[in-house]
Amino acid sequence: MLFGSTLLVGVGIAVTQALLPPLVTEYFPDRESFATGLYTVSLTIGAALAGAVTAPIGDLFGSWTVGLAAWAIPAAVTVPI
């Protein structure tokens, strides 16, 4: 399960990183730097938020696995999109 999910995440990151520059160039031709910076900042904020909220969620429910599993909810909501 660990290796399979790691593989899927790695493929997703690789595809996203390969497609981002052409998409930014197509949709934001005059503001490429701003759009790329906004994408980078949103990834950083998301990672910081996950790091800051996971432990309190685990403490609230009494299990660190619940804290990590809580992130499956937004992932499950986003996958169909």
C-alpha atoms as a PDB file:
ATOM      1  CA  MET A   1       0.000   0.000   0.000  1.00  0.00           C
ATOM      2  CA  LEU A   2       2.805   2.396   0.910  1.00  0.00           C
ATOM      3  CA  PHE A   3       4.771   1.817  -2.275  1.00  0.00           C
ATOM      4  CA  GLY A   4       1.662   1.950  -4.442  1.00  0.00           C
ATOM      5  CA  SER A   5       0.469   5.242  -2.994  1.00  0.00           C
ATOM      6  CA  THR A   6       3.983   6.672  -3.213  1.00  0.00           C
ATOM      7  CA  LEU A   7       4.125   5.692  -6.862  1.00  0.00           C
ATOM      8  CA  LEU A   8       0.772   7.354  -7.566  1.00  0.00           C
ATOM      9  CA  VAL A   9       1.786  10.552  -5.784  1.00  0.00           C
ATOM     10  CA  GLY A  10       5.107  10.608  -7.631  1.00  0.00           C
ATOM     11  CA  VAL A  11       3.410  10.194 -11.001  1.00  0.00           C
ATOM     12  CA  GLY A  12       0.920  12.929 -10.125  1.00  0.00           C
ATOM     13  CA  ILE A  13       3.703  15.320  -9.165  1.00  0.00           C
ATOM     14  CA  ALA A  14       5.673  14.511 -12.313  1.00  0.00           C
ATOM     15  CA  VAL A  15       2.669  15.086 -14.570  1.00  0.00           C
ATOM     16  CA  THR A  16       1.712  18.313 -12.799  1.00  0.00           C
ATOM     17  CA  GLN A  17       5.230  19.705 -12.953  1.00  0.00           C
ATOM     18  CA  ALA A  18       5.487  18.865 -16.644  1.00  0.00           C
ATOM     19  CA  LEU A  19       2.119  20.422 -17.536  1.00  0.00           C
ATOM     20  CA  LEU A  20       2.329  23.573 -15.437  1.00  0.00           C
ATOM     21  CA  PRO A  21       4.600  25.717 -17.669  1.00  0.00           C
ATOM     22  CA  PRO A  22       2.525  25.251 -20.861  1.00  0.00           C
ATOM     23  CA  LEU A  23      -0.727  25.883 -18.978  1.00  0.00           C
ATOM     24  CA  VAL A  24       0.636  29.030 -17.366  1.00  0.00           C
ATOM     25  CA  THR A  25       1.909  30.262 -20.717  1.00  0.00           C
ATOM     26  CA  GLU A  26      -1.459  29.593 -22.355  1.00  0.00           C
ATOM     27  CA  TYR A  27      -3.748  31.090 -19.695  1.00  0.00           C
ATOM     28  CA  PHE A  28      -1.497  33.815 -18.245  1.00  0.00           C
ATOM     29  CA  PRO A  29       0.780  34.960 -21.084  1.00  0.00           C
ATOM     30  CA  ASP A  30       1.381  38.378 -19.546  1.00  0.00           C
ATOM     31  CA  ARG A  31       1.743  37.202 -15.938  1.00  0.00           C
ATOM     32  CA  GLU A  32       3.657  33.923 -16.075  1.00  0.00           C
ATOM     33  CA  SER A  33       5.845  34.738 -13.082  1.00  0.00           C
ATOM     34  CA  PHE A  34       2.882  35.739 -10.940  1.00  0.00           C
ATOM     35  CA  ALA A  35       0.892  32.598 -11.802  1.00  0.00           C
ATOM     36  CA  THR A  36       3.853  30.301 -11.156  1.00  0.00           C
ATOM     37  CA  GLY A  37       4.575  32.085  -7.879  1.00  0.00           C
ATOM     38  CA  LEU A  38       0.946  31.782  -6.819  1.00  0.00           C
ATOM     39  CA  TYR A  39       1.052  28.039  -7.541  1.00  0.00           C
ATOM     40  CA  THR A  40       4.249  27.652  -5.533  1.00  0.00           C
ATOM     41  CA  VAL A  41       2.900  29.653  -2.591  1.00  0.00           C
ATOM     42  CA  SER A  42      -0.307  27.617  -2.541  1.00  0.00           C
ATOM     43  CA  LEU A  43       1.694  24.373  -2.402  1.00  0.00           C
ATOM     44  CA  THR A  44       3.803  25.757   0.440  1.00  0.00           C
ATOM     45  CA  ILE A  45       0.788  26.973   2.415  1.00  0.00           C
ATOM     46  CA  GLY A  46      -0.931  23.619   1.938  1.00  0.00           C
ATOM     47  CA  ALA A  47       2.118  21.738   3.208  1.00  0.00           C
ATOM     48  CA  ALA A  48       2.472  24.058   6.204  1.00  0.00           C
ATOM     49  CA  LEU A  49      -1.230  23.747   6.989  1.00  0.00           C
ATOM     50  CA  ALA A  50      -1.060  19.959   6.832  1.00  0.00           C
ATOM     51  CA  GLY A  51       1.959  19.936   9.121  1.00  0.00           C
ATOM     52  CA  ALA A  52       0.320  22.284  11.604  1.00  0.00           C
ATOM     53  CA  VAL A  53      -3.099  20.617  11.724  1.00  0.00           C
ATOM     54  CA  THR A  54      -2.308  16.894  11.581  1.00  0.00           C
ATOM     55  CA  ALA A  55      -1.005  16.567  15.142  1.00  0.00           C
ATOM     56  CA  PRO A  56      -3.918  18.461  16.757  1.00  0.00           C
ATOM     57  CA  ILE A  57      -6.396  16.296  14.818  1.00  0.00           C
ATOM     58  CA  GLY A  58      -4.586  13.197  16.053  1.00  0.00           C
ATOM     59  CA  ASP A  59      -4.623  14.521  19.622  1.00  0.00           C
ATOM     60  CA  LEU A  60      -8.309  15.342  19.364  1.00  0.00           C
ATOM     61  CA  PHE A  61      -9.205  11.795  18.346  1.00  0.00           C
ATOM     62  CA  GLY A  62      -6.495  10.084  20.406  1.00  0.00           C
ATOM     63  CA  SER A  63      -4.632   8.485  17.512  1.00  0.00           C
ATOM     64  CA  TRP A  64      -1.967   9.753  15.157  1.00  0.00           C
ATOM     65  CA  THR A  65      -3.333   7.476  12.436  1.00  0.00           C
ATOM     66  CA  VAL A  66      -6.649   9.337  12.540  1.00  0.00           C
ATOM     67  CA  GLY A  67      -4.733  12.604  12.146  1.00  0.00           C
ATOM     68  CA  LEU A  68      -3.103  11.288   8.984  1.00  0.00           C
ATOM     69  CA  ALA A  69      -6.253   9.612   7.727  1.00  0.00           C
ATOM     70  CA  ALA A  70      -8.115  12.928   8.007  1.00  0.00           C
ATOM     71  CA  TRP A  71      -6.241  14.054   4.893  1.00  0.00           C
ATOM     72  CA  ALA A  72      -7.918  11.291   2.899  1.00  0.00           C
ATOM     73  CA  ILE A  73     -11.178  13.240   3.075  1.00  0.00           C
ATOM     74  CA  PRO A  74     -10.056  16.254   0.983  1.00  0.00           C
ATOM     75  CA  ALA A  75      -8.200  13.891  -1.351  1.00  0.00           C
ATOM     76  CA  ALA A  76     -11.334  11.790  -1.888  1.00  0.00           C
ATOM     77  CA  VAL A  77     -13.391  14.911  -2.548  1.00  0.00           C
ATOM     78  CA  THR A  78     -10.868  16.246  -5.059  1.00  0.00           C
ATOM     79  CA  VAL A  79     -10.185  13.073  -7.034  1.00  0.00           C
ATOM     80  CA  PRO A  80     -13.486  13.083  -8.958  1.00  0.00           C
ATOM     81  CA  ILE A  81     -12.891  16.682 -10.038  1.00  0.00           C
END
